[in-house]
Amino acid sequence: MPLDARQRCHALLSGLAALSLAAVLAAAPPASAASAADTWTEVGSDRADPLTESQGLASVEVPAGSPNRYTGIGTIPVGLATRGWNHVGDPDASYDGYYVEPYQRDDDSVKMYRTQAPDGTWKEYVHALSPGEALNNSWVAISPDGQWMLSGEWGTMDRFLVFPTPGVNPATSPTADLPQVATVRLDRPVRDVQGCDFVSATRLLCSSDDPAGALFGMTKPLLQVDLSAAPNGTADVTGTVTALRQLPLRSGCSGEFEAEGIDYDRRTGTLRVIVVSPGFCVLTDSKTYRFTRG
């Protein structure tokens, strides 16, 4: 599992004198994809703060005019951190304004989904891990109808987990266990998925931090997952995985990049993905890249 931003920054600052700058690393050209796959073209980027914008991001539609939301080690409330919730993943927001952040701690029994209602109130929904479920809580993606939430584990996986969306689905309660109700069965393994977001009822885009590249012929791929049906909470669905392109890997430092969270804003058709730079440049040129179709 990757180091969180605070740990990385501390390690980097302590070894600042030893770090050296290298040539800019250019992104590899897009890989060929299935004819049904979208093409996403980079159109710009913004600096990503290593403490508050280094894990994930979400566009929020309700209330109107809401700013984009970001997560990082610096966004974890003190009250959660003192209870051991030391990692926050890539969040998402429903179309009616419920906002969900995935949390984990060094505990192989539970994970937590912190949910803010459109009126600003927060509630915590805890999920007891099923046998064989990884403790990692890397991301959430809320279905367009708002009722179902996908969540992902770290490592090499052939599935995504399906839950009722906390706070939105009437079957959920902060005083009861949040149950896994179904599974997305992937047609091929994926590795180190850091975020996914729905672009339609049956299509997701996902950012993978895969450092090896053996699964799709490239490291750090942008993945498309086409579902056999929209999640309904009662039956498993299958997901067909296609690698669309390598995410941009550009920095003034050499070393290992870290692909992070992803967001699709249906209002503008803009896809955004965070890529954290290696070495000292985590502090200076980590980026949120913007893409549009075509």
C-alpha atoms as a PDB file:
ATOM      1  CA  MET A   1       0.000   0.000   0.000  1.00  0.00           C
ATOM      2  CA  PRO A   2       1.398   3.450  -0.854  1.00  0.00           C
ATOM      3  CA  LEU A   3       2.652   5.871   1.761  1.00  0.00           C
ATOM      4  CA  ASP A   4       0.230   8.655   2.548  1.00  0.00           C
ATOM      5  CA  ALA A   5       1.134  12.211   1.578  1.00  0.00           C
ATOM      6  CA  ARG A   6       2.221  13.244   5.071  1.00  0.00           C
ATOM      7  CA  GLN A   7       4.655  10.365   5.393  1.00  0.00           C
ATOM      8  CA  ARG A   8       6.040  11.045   1.937  1.00  0.00           C
ATOM      9  CA  CYS A   9       6.490  14.744   2.627  1.00  0.00           C
ATOM     10  CA  HIS A  10       8.267  14.100   5.927  1.00  0.00           C
ATOM     11  CA  ALA A  11      10.598  11.596   4.295  1.00  0.00           C
ATOM     12  CA  LEU A  12      11.286  13.881   1.388  1.00  0.00           C
ATOM     13  CA  LEU A  13      11.977  16.955   3.501  1.00  0.00           C
ATOM     14  CA  SER A  14      14.394  15.038   5.712  1.00  0.00           C
ATOM     15  CA  GLY A  15      16.345  13.917   2.677  1.00  0.00           C
ATOM     16  CA  LEU A  16      16.075  17.127   0.690  1.00  0.00           C
ATOM     17  CA  ALA A  17      19.810  17.642   0.292  1.00  0.00           C
ATOM     18  CA  ALA A  18      20.194  14.230  -1.283  1.00  0.00           C
ATOM     19  CA  LEU A  19      17.571  14.665  -3.935  1.00  0.00           C
ATOM     20  CA  SER A  20      18.461  15.760  -7.470  1.00  0.00           C
ATOM     21  CA  LEU A  21      16.379  16.950 -10.367  1.00  0.00           C
ATOM     22  CA  ALA A  22      16.208  15.013 -13.605  1.00  0.00           C
ATOM     23  CA  ALA A  23      14.824  15.485 -17.065  1.00  0.00           C
ATOM     24  CA  VAL A  24      11.098  15.713 -17.591  1.00  0.00           C
ATOM     25  CA  LEU A  25       9.460  12.353 -18.185  1.00  0.00           C
ATOM     26  CA  ALA A  26       7.074  12.391 -21.086  1.00  0.00           C
ATOM     27  CA  ALA A  27       3.888  10.354 -21.094  1.00  0.00           C
ATOM     28  CA  ALA A  28       3.798   7.321 -23.311  1.00  0.00           C
ATOM     29  CA  PRO A  29       1.428   7.489 -26.284  1.00  0.00           C
ATOM     30  CA  PRO A  30      -2.080   6.134 -25.808  1.00  0.00           C
ATOM     31  CA  ALA A  31      -2.505   2.403 -26.201  1.00  0.00           C
ATOM     32  CA  SER A  32      -4.963   1.048 -28.712  1.00  0.00           C
ATOM     33  CA  ALA A  33      -8.388   0.206 -27.260  1.00  0.00           C
ATOM     34  CA  ALA A  34     -11.531  -1.580 -28.281  1.00  0.00           C
ATOM     35  CA  SER A  35     -13.701   0.207 -30.851  1.00  0.00           C
ATOM     36  CA  ALA A  36     -16.387   0.802 -28.203  1.00  0.00           C
ATOM     37  CA  ALA A  37     -13.937   2.618 -25.946  1.00  0.00           C
ATOM     38  CA  ASP A  38     -13.818   6.381 -25.592  1.00  0.00           C
ATOM     39  CA  THR A  39     -10.724   8.421 -26.377  1.00  0.00           C
ATOM     40  CA  TRP A  40      -9.705  10.973 -23.758  1.00  0.00           C
ATOM     41  CA  THR A  41      -7.455  13.881 -24.719  1.00  0.00           C
ATOM     42  CA  GLU A  42      -5.485  15.916 -22.215  1.00  0.00           C
ATOM     43  CA  VAL A  43      -6.578  19.579 -22.269  1.00  0.00           C
ATOM     44  CA  GLY A  44      -4.866  21.093 -19.215  1.00  0.00           C
ATOM     45  CA  SER A  45      -3.711  20.647 -15.652  1.00  0.00           C
ATOM     46  CA  ASP A  46      -3.671  22.308 -12.229  1.00  0.00           C
ATOM     47  CA  ARG A  47      -1.207  21.950  -9.378  1.00  0.00           C
ATOM     48  CA  ALA A  48      -2.301  19.377  -6.776  1.00  0.00           C
ATOM     49  CA  ASP A  49      -1.421  20.262  -3.188  1.00  0.00           C
ATOM     50  CA  PRO A  50       0.390  17.255  -1.635  1.00  0.00           C
ATOM     51  CA  LEU A  51      -1.436  17.501   1.707  1.00  0.00           C
ATOM     52  CA  THR A  52      -5.005  18.379   0.723  1.00  0.00           C
ATOM     53  CA  GLU A  53      -5.354  17.253  -2.908  1.00  0.00           C
ATOM     54  CA  SER A  54      -3.240  14.098  -3.083  1.00  0.00           C
ATOM     55  CA  GLN A  55      -5.741  11.253  -2.639  1.00  0.00           C
ATOM     56  CA  GLY A  56      -8.968  12.026  -4.457  1.00  0.00           C
ATOM     57  CA  LEU A  57     -11.462  14.513  -5.811  1.00  0.00           C
ATOM     58  CA  ALA A  58     -15.170  14.880  -6.584  1.00  0.00           C
ATOM     59  CA  SER A  59     -17.442  17.377  -8.307  1.00  0.00           C
ATOM     60  CA  VAL A  60     -20.557  18.227  -6.269  1.00  0.00           C
ATOM     61  CA  GLU A  61     -23.751  19.318  -8.053  1.00  0.00           C
ATOM     62  CA  VAL A  62     -26.014  20.040  -5.060  1.00  0.00           C
ATOM     63  CA  PRO A  63     -26.245  22.606  -3.534  1.00  0.00           C
ATOM     64  CA  ALA A  64     -25.808  24.640  -6.724  1.00  0.00           C
ATOM     65  CA  GLY A  65     -22.451  26.337  -6.978  1.00  0.00           C
ATOM     66  CA  SER A  66     -20.700  23.877  -4.674  1.00  0.00           C
ATOM     67  CA  PRO A  67     -16.901  23.820  -5.091  1.00  0.00           C
ATOM     68  CA  ASN A  68     -15.029  20.700  -6.129  1.00  0.00           C
ATOM     69  CA  ARG A  69     -13.973  18.556  -3.181  1.00  0.00           C
ATOM     70  CA  TYR A  70     -10.521  17.037  -2.587  1.00  0.00           C
ATOM     71  CA  THR A  71      -9.028  14.600  -0.088  1.00  0.00           C
ATOM     72  CA  GLY A  72      -5.537  14.140   1.302  1.00  0.00           C
ATOM     73  CA  ILE A  73      -3.832  13.450   4.610  1.00  0.00           C
ATOM     74  CA  GLY A  74      -4.414  17.101   5.505  1.00  0.00           C
ATOM     75  CA  THR A  75      -8.197  16.816   5.103  1.00  0.00           C
ATOM     76  CA  ILE A  76      -8.678  14.051   7.711  1.00  0.00           C
ATOM     77  CA  PRO A  77     -10.454  15.610  10.716  1.00  0.00           C
ATOM     78  CA  VAL A  78      -8.497  15.422  13.973  1.00  0.00           C
ATOM     79  CA  GLY A  79     -11.348  13.552  15.643  1.00  0.00           C
ATOM     80  CA  LEU A  80     -11.151  10.766  13.049  1.00  0.00           C
ATOM     81  CA  ALA A  81      -7.358  10.590  13.138  1.00  0.00           C
ATOM     82  CA  THR A  82      -7.332  10.170  16.917  1.00  0.00           C
ATOM     83  CA  ARG A  83      -9.635   7.158  16.460  1.00  0.00           C
ATOM     84  CA  GLY A  84      -7.184   5.573  14.046  1.00  0.00           C
ATOM     85  CA  TRP A  85      -8.759   6.524  10.705  1.00  0.00           C
ATOM     86  CA  ASN A  86      -5.435   7.430   9.094  1.00  0.00           C
ATOM     87  CA  HIS A  87      -6.191   7.105   5.369  1.00  0.00           C
ATOM     88  CA  VAL A  88      -8.869   8.677   3.194  1.00  0.00           C
ATOM     89  CA  GLY A  89      -9.371   7.558  -0.385  1.00  0.00           C
ATOM     90  CA  ASP A  90     -11.041   8.934  -3.510  1.00  0.00           C
ATOM     91  CA  PRO A  91     -14.537  10.314  -2.701  1.00  0.00           C
ATOM     92  CA  ASP A  92     -17.651  10.722  -4.822  1.00  0.00           C
ATOM     93  CA  ALA A  93     -20.907  12.660  -4.732  1.00  0.00           C
ATOM     94  CA  SER A  94     -24.395  11.596  -5.792  1.00  0.00           C
ATOM     95  CA  TYR A  95     -26.333  13.686  -8.278  1.00  0.00           C
ATOM     96  CA  ASP A  96     -28.562  14.919  -5.424  1.00  0.00           C
ATOM     97  CA  GLY A  97     -25.645  16.162  -3.361  1.00  0.00           C
ATOM     98  CA  TYR A  98     -24.671  13.409  -0.906  1.00  0.00           C
ATOM     99  CA  TYR A  99     -20.875  13.290  -0.586  1.00  0.00           C
ATOM    100  CA  VAL A 100     -19.036  10.124   0.563  1.00  0.00           C
ATOM    101  CA  GLU A 101     -15.413   9.706   1.687  1.00  0.00           C
ATOM    102  CA  PRO A 102     -13.875   6.213   2.145  1.00  0.00           C
ATOM    103  CA  TYR A 103     -11.709   5.701   5.254  1.00  0.00           C
ATOM    104  CA  GLN A 104      -9.464   2.933   6.506  1.00  0.00           C
ATOM    105  CA  ARG A 105      -7.300   2.293   9.532  1.00  0.00           C
ATOM    106  CA  ASP A 106      -4.770  -0.335  10.570  1.00  0.00           C
ATOM    107  CA  ASP A 107      -7.558  -2.772  11.362  1.00  0.00           C
ATOM    108  CA  ASP A 108      -8.567  -5.857   9.415  1.00  0.00           C
ATOM    109  CA  SER A 109     -12.141  -5.899  10.716  1.00  0.00           C
ATOM    110  CA  VAL A 110     -13.853  -2.676   9.556  1.00  0.00           C
ATOM    111  CA  LYS A 111     -13.755   0.191   7.081  1.00  0.00           C
ATOM    112  CA  MET A 112     -15.794   3.380   7.179  1.00  0.00           C
ATOM    113  CA  TYR A 113     -17.707   5.631   4.780  1.00  0.00           C
ATOM    114  CA  ARG A 114     -18.123   9.200   6.037  1.00  0.00           C
ATOM    115  CA  THR A 115     -21.126  10.853   4.420  1.00  0.00           C
ATOM    116  CA  GLN A 116     -22.213  14.484   4.226  1.00  0.00           C
ATOM    117  CA  ALA A 117     -25.841  15.287   3.390  1.00  0.00           C
ATOM    118  CA  PRO A 118     -26.743  18.318   1.262  1.00  0.00           C
ATOM    119  CA  ASP A 119     -27.687  20.173   4.464  1.00  0.00           C
ATOM    120  CA  GLY A 120     -24.068  19.857   5.655  1.00  0.00           C
ATOM    121  CA  THR A 121     -24.528  17.222   8.368  1.00  0.00           C
ATOM    122  CA  TRP A 122     -22.046  14.336   8.603  1.00  0.00           C
ATOM    123  CA  LYS A 123     -22.666  10.694   9.526  1.00  0.00           C
ATOM    124  CA  GLU A 124     -20.385   7.656   9.662  1.00  0.00           C
ATOM    125  CA  TYR A 125     -21.308   4.283   8.172  1.00  0.00           C
ATOM    126  CA  VAL A 126     -19.116   1.351   9.207  1.00  0.00           C
ATOM    127  CA  HIS A 127     -18.743  -1.849   7.195  1.00  0.00           C
ATOM    128  CA  ALA A 128     -17.541  -5.068   8.808  1.00  0.00           C
ATOM    129  CA  LEU A 129     -15.140  -6.810   6.430  1.00  0.00           C
ATOM    130  CA  SER A 130     -16.282 -10.056   4.854  1.00  0.00           C
ATOM    131  CA  PRO A 131     -13.944 -13.089   4.863  1.00  0.00           C
ATOM    132  CA  GLY A 132     -11.164 -12.431   2.374  1.00  0.00           C
ATOM    133  CA  GLU A 133     -11.973  -8.734   1.948  1.00  0.00           C
ATOM    134  CA  ALA A 134      -8.942  -6.434   1.998  1.00  0.00           C
ATOM    135  CA  LEU A 135      -8.894  -3.706   4.642  1.00  0.00           C
ATOM    136  CA  ASN A 136      -7.943  -1.095   2.033  1.00  0.00           C
ATOM    137  CA  ASN A 137     -10.658   1.427   1.204  1.00  0.00           C
ATOM    138  CA  SER A 138      -9.229   3.089  -1.862  1.00  0.00           C
ATOM    139  CA  TRP A 139     -12.262   4.703  -3.528  1.00  0.00           C
ATOM    140  CA  VAL A 140     -16.009   4.984  -3.942  1.00  0.00           C
ATOM    141  CA  ALA A 141     -18.163   5.557  -7.042  1.00  0.00           C
ATOM    142  CA  ILE A 142     -21.891   6.317  -6.713  1.00  0.00           C
ATOM    143  CA  SER A 143     -24.234   5.064  -9.441  1.00  0.00           C
ATOM    144  CA  PRO A 144     -26.151   7.706 -11.427  1.00  0.00           C
ATOM    145  CA  ASP A 145     -29.430   6.730  -9.755  1.00  0.00           C
ATOM    146  CA  GLY A 146     -27.762   7.370  -6.390  1.00  0.00           C
ATOM    147  CA  GLN A 147     -28.823   4.098  -4.793  1.00  0.00           C
ATOM    148  CA  TRP A 148     -25.647   2.010  -5.145  1.00  0.00           C
ATOM    149  CA  MET A 149     -22.005   2.625  -4.348  1.00  0.00           C
ATOM    150  CA  LEU A 150     -19.017   0.734  -5.727  1.00  0.00           C
ATOM    151  CA  SER A 151     -15.865   0.496  -3.651  1.00  0.00           C
ATOM    152  CA  GLY A 152     -12.414  -0.884  -4.356  1.00  0.00           C
ATOM    153  CA  GLU A 153      -9.596  -2.745  -2.660  1.00  0.00           C
ATOM    154  CA  TRP A 154      -5.838  -2.367  -3.138  1.00  0.00           C
ATOM    155  CA  GLY A 155      -3.635  -4.855  -4.927  1.00  0.00           C
ATOM    156  CA  THR A 156      -4.405  -7.140  -7.850  1.00  0.00           C
ATOM    157  CA  MET A 157      -8.166  -7.668  -7.898  1.00  0.00           C
ATOM    158  CA  ASP A 158     -10.802  -9.181 -10.169  1.00  0.00           C
ATOM    159  CA  ARG A 159     -13.783  -7.507  -8.513  1.00  0.00           C
ATOM    160  CA  PHE A 160     -15.357  -4.303  -7.214  1.00  0.00           C
ATOM    161  CA  LEU A 161     -17.663  -4.337  -4.193  1.00  0.00           C
ATOM    162  CA  VAL A 162     -21.251  -3.024  -4.284  1.00  0.00           C
ATOM    163  CA  PHE A 163     -22.976  -1.376  -1.304  1.00  0.00           C
ATOM    164  CA  PRO A 164     -26.196   0.570  -0.805  1.00  0.00           C
ATOM    165  CA  THR A 165     -25.181   4.248  -0.879  1.00  0.00           C
ATOM    166  CA  PRO A 166     -24.933   5.460   2.729  1.00  0.00           C
ATOM    167  CA  GLY A 167     -27.379   8.237   3.508  1.00  0.00           C
ATOM    168  CA  VAL A 168     -29.139   7.905   0.160  1.00  0.00           C
ATOM    169  CA  ASN A 169     -30.380   4.331   0.050  1.00  0.00           C
ATOM    170  CA  PRO A 170     -33.134   3.917   2.673  1.00  0.00           C
ATOM    171  CA  ALA A 171     -31.690   0.533   3.655  1.00  0.00           C
ATOM    172  CA  THR A 172     -28.672   2.221   5.278  1.00  0.00           C
ATOM    173  CA  SER A 173     -28.255   3.475   8.840  1.00  0.00           C
ATOM    174  CA  PRO A 174     -25.249   4.855  10.746  1.00  0.00           C
ATOM    175  CA  THR A 175     -26.217   2.571  13.646  1.00  0.00           C
ATOM    176  CA  ALA A 176     -26.155  -0.637  11.572  1.00  0.00           C
ATOM    177  CA  ASP A 177     -23.508  -2.431   9.538  1.00  0.00           C
ATOM    178  CA  LEU A 178     -23.248  -1.256   5.941  1.00  0.00           C
ATOM    179  CA  PRO A 179     -23.536  -4.552   4.032  1.00  0.00           C
ATOM    180  CA  GLN A 180     -21.932  -5.585   0.783  1.00  0.00           C
ATOM    181  CA  VAL A 181     -24.914  -6.517  -1.393  1.00  0.00           C
ATOM    182  CA  ALA A 182     -23.321  -7.541  -4.704  1.00  0.00           C
ATOM    183  CA  THR A 183     -20.075  -7.733  -6.669  1.00  0.00           C
ATOM    184  CA  VAL A 184     -18.826  -6.482 -10.027  1.00  0.00           C
ATOM    185  CA  ARG A 185     -16.935  -9.440 -11.545  1.00  0.00           C
ATOM    186  CA  LEU A 186     -14.176  -8.136 -13.819  1.00  0.00           C
ATOM    187  CA  ASP A 187     -13.248 -10.054 -16.955  1.00  0.00           C
ATOM    188  CA  ARG A 188      -9.534  -9.496 -16.258  1.00  0.00           C
ATOM    189  CA  PRO A 189      -7.499  -8.465 -13.220  1.00  0.00           C
ATOM    190  CA  VAL A 190      -6.704  -4.853 -12.406  1.00  0.00           C
ATOM    191  CA  ARG A 191      -3.975  -3.632 -10.099  1.00  0.00           C
ATOM    192  CA  ASP A 192      -3.881  -0.814  -7.536  1.00  0.00           C
ATOM    193  CA  VAL A 193      -7.018   1.002  -8.662  1.00  0.00           C
ATOM    194  CA  GLN A 194      -7.043   4.380  -6.913  1.00  0.00           C
ATOM    195  CA  GLY A 195     -10.375   5.724  -8.104  1.00  0.00           C
ATOM    196  CA  CYS A 196     -13.382   5.115 -10.345  1.00  0.00           C
ATOM    197  CA  ASP A 197     -16.293   7.279 -11.448  1.00  0.00           C
ATOM    198  CA  PHE A 198     -19.456   6.556 -13.420  1.00  0.00           C
ATOM    199  CA  VAL A 199     -19.782   8.244 -16.806  1.00  0.00           C
ATOM    200  CA  SER A 200     -23.070   6.432 -17.503  1.00  0.00           C
ATOM    201  CA  ALA A 201     -25.230   3.850 -15.750  1.00  0.00           C
ATOM    202  CA  THR A 202     -23.052   1.036 -17.140  1.00  0.00           C
ATOM    203  CA  ARG A 203     -19.636   2.614 -17.749  1.00  0.00           C
ATOM    204  CA  LEU A 204     -16.891   3.646 -15.348  1.00  0.00           C
ATOM    205  CA  LEU A 205     -13.505   5.237 -15.793  1.00  0.00           C
ATOM    206  CA  CYS A 206     -10.794   4.210 -13.325  1.00  0.00           C
ATOM    207  CA  SER A 207      -7.269   5.345 -12.511  1.00  0.00           C
ATOM    208  CA  SER A 208      -4.756   2.583 -11.836  1.00  0.00           C
ATOM    209  CA  ASP A 209      -1.452   3.055 -10.017  1.00  0.00           C
ATOM    210  CA  ASP A 210      -0.113  -0.182 -11.504  1.00  0.00           C
ATOM    211  CA  PRO A 211       3.695   0.163 -11.290  1.00  0.00           C
ATOM    212  CA  ALA A 212       4.564  -2.908 -13.359  1.00  0.00           C
ATOM    213  CA  GLY A 213       2.579  -2.598 -16.583  1.00  0.00           C
ATOM    214  CA  ALA A 214       2.312  -6.319 -17.272  1.00  0.00           C
ATOM    215  CA  LEU A 215      -1.503  -6.423 -17.200  1.00  0.00           C
ATOM    216  CA  PHE A 216      -2.139  -3.854 -19.943  1.00  0.00           C
ATOM    217  CA  GLY A 217       1.240  -3.167 -21.496  1.00  0.00           C
ATOM    218  CA  MET A 218       1.650   0.158 -19.707  1.00  0.00           C
ATOM    219  CA  THR A 219       2.082   1.513 -16.213  1.00  0.00           C
ATOM    220  CA  LYS A 220      -0.444   3.887 -14.607  1.00  0.00           C
ATOM    221  CA  PRO A 221      -3.275   3.232 -17.091  1.00  0.00           C
ATOM    222  CA  LEU A 222      -6.613   4.971 -17.440  1.00  0.00           C
ATOM    223  CA  LEU A 223      -9.124   2.115 -17.503  1.00  0.00           C
ATOM    224  CA  GLN A 224     -12.652   1.854 -18.855  1.00  0.00           C
ATOM    225  CA  VAL A 225     -15.006  -0.691 -17.267  1.00  0.00           C
ATOM    226  CA  ASP A 226     -18.224  -1.553 -19.115  1.00  0.00           C
ATOM    227  CA  LEU A 227     -20.842  -3.258 -16.951  1.00  0.00           C
ATOM    228  CA  SER A 228     -23.215  -5.932 -18.208  1.00  0.00           C
ATOM    229  CA  ALA A 229     -26.049  -4.107 -16.414  1.00  0.00           C
ATOM    230  CA  ALA A 230     -26.514  -1.192 -14.058  1.00  0.00           C
ATOM    231  CA  PRO A 231     -25.913  -2.248 -10.420  1.00  0.00           C
ATOM    232  CA  ASN A 232     -29.195  -2.970  -8.624  1.00  0.00           C
ATOM    233  CA  GLY A 233     -28.000  -4.359  -5.306  1.00  0.00           C
ATOM    234  CA  THR A 234     -29.544  -7.781  -5.822  1.00  0.00           C
ATOM    235  CA  ALA A 235     -27.358  -9.486  -8.428  1.00  0.00           C
ATOM    236  CA  ASP A 236     -23.714  -9.513  -9.462  1.00  0.00           C
ATOM    237  CA  VAL A 237     -22.775  -7.930 -12.777  1.00  0.00           C
ATOM    238  CA  THR A 238     -19.733  -8.418 -14.979  1.00  0.00           C
ATOM    239  CA  GLY A 239     -17.302  -5.709 -16.006  1.00  0.00           C
ATOM    240  CA  THR A 240     -15.284  -5.638 -19.241  1.00  0.00           C
ATOM    241  CA  VAL A 241     -11.993  -3.816 -18.705  1.00  0.00           C
ATOM    242  CA  THR A 242     -10.213  -1.820 -21.421  1.00  0.00           C
ATOM    243  CA  ALA A 243      -7.002   0.178 -21.016  1.00  0.00           C
ATOM    244  CA  LEU A 244      -7.448   3.523 -22.787  1.00  0.00           C
ATOM    245  CA  ARG A 245      -4.100   5.254 -22.309  1.00  0.00           C
ATOM    246  CA  GLN A 246      -1.277   5.890 -19.903  1.00  0.00           C
ATOM    247  CA  LEU A 247      -1.861   8.774 -17.538  1.00  0.00           C
ATOM    248  CA  PRO A 248       0.541  11.728 -17.907  1.00  0.00           C
ATOM    249  CA  LEU A 249       3.862  11.157 -16.134  1.00  0.00           C
ATOM    250  CA  ARG A 250       5.653  14.504 -16.330  1.00  0.00           C
ATOM    251  CA  SER A 251       7.793  16.050 -13.624  1.00  0.00           C
ATOM    252  CA  GLY A 252      11.045  17.822 -12.948  1.00  0.00           C
ATOM    253  CA  CYS A 253      12.059  14.812 -10.816  1.00  0.00           C
ATOM    254  CA  SER A 254      12.726  11.227 -11.782  1.00  0.00           C
ATOM    255  CA  GLY A 255      11.307   8.283  -9.885  1.00  0.00           C
ATOM    256  CA  GLU A 256       7.985   6.627  -9.217  1.00  0.00           C
ATOM    257  CA  PHE A 257       4.815   8.591  -9.944  1.00  0.00           C
ATOM    258  CA  GLU A 258       1.586   7.823  -8.090  1.00  0.00           C
ATOM    259  CA  ALA A 259      -1.748   7.853  -9.902  1.00  0.00           C
ATOM    260  CA  GLU A 260      -4.505   8.860  -7.495  1.00  0.00           C
ATOM    261  CA  GLY A 261      -8.218   9.701  -7.607  1.00  0.00           C
ATOM    262  CA  ILE A 262     -10.494  10.395 -10.568  1.00  0.00           C
ATOM    263  CA  ASP A 263     -13.621  12.480 -11.213  1.00  0.00           C
ATOM    264  CA  TYR A 264     -16.025  12.859 -14.118  1.00  0.00           C
ATOM    265  CA  ASP A 265     -18.175  16.007 -14.170  1.00  0.00           C
ATOM    266  CA  ARG A 266     -21.203  15.278 -16.350  1.00  0.00           C
ATOM    267  CA  ARG A 267     -22.110  18.993 -16.489  1.00  0.00           C
ATOM    268  CA  THR A 268     -18.977  19.859 -18.464  1.00  0.00           C
ATOM    269  CA  GLY A 269     -17.891  16.433 -19.743  1.00  0.00           C
ATOM    270  CA  THR A 270     -14.534  16.951 -18.040  1.00  0.00           C
ATOM    271  CA  LEU A 271     -12.496  14.061 -16.640  1.00  0.00           C
ATOM    272  CA  ARG A 272      -9.896  14.897 -13.973  1.00  0.00           C
ATOM    273  CA  VAL A 273      -7.177  12.635 -12.565  1.00  0.00           C
ATOM    274  CA  ILE A 274      -4.566  13.360  -9.885  1.00  0.00           C
ATOM    275  CA  VAL A 275      -0.980  12.245 -10.548  1.00  0.00           C
ATOM    276  CA  VAL A 276       1.496  12.784  -7.693  1.00  0.00           C
ATOM    277  CA  SER A 277       5.081  13.508  -8.748  1.00  0.00           C
ATOM    278  CA  PRO A 278       8.128  11.580  -7.494  1.00  0.00           C
ATOM    279  CA  GLY A 279      10.841  12.771  -5.124  1.00  0.00           C
ATOM    280  CA  PHE A 280      10.984  16.371  -3.991  1.00  0.00           C
ATOM    281  CA  CYS A 281       8.615  17.316  -6.814  1.00  0.00           C
ATOM    282  CA  VAL A 282       5.670  15.887  -4.882  1.00  0.00           C
ATOM    283  CA  LEU A 283       5.719  19.352  -3.304  1.00  0.00           C
ATOM    284  CA  THR A 284       6.058  21.364  -6.495  1.00  0.00           C
ATOM    285  CA  ASP A 285       4.613  19.810  -9.635  1.00  0.00           C
ATOM    286  CA  SER A 286       2.045  17.159  -8.717  1.00  0.00           C
ATOM    287  CA  LYS A 287      -0.926  17.732 -11.021  1.00  0.00           C
ATOM    288  CA  THR A 288      -4.634  17.282 -11.492  1.00  0.00           C
ATOM    289  CA  TYR A 289      -4.884  16.606 -15.222  1.00  0.00           C
ATOM    290  CA  ARG A 290      -8.000  17.481 -17.219  1.00  0.00           C
ATOM    291  CA  PHE A 291      -9.289  15.472 -20.200  1.00  0.00           C
ATOM    292  CA  THR A 292     -12.178  15.669 -22.648  1.00  0.00           C
ATOM    293  CA  ARG A 293     -13.518  13.076 -25.098  1.00  0.00           C
ATOM    294  CA  GLY A 294     -11.994  12.964 -28.540  1.00  0.00           C
END
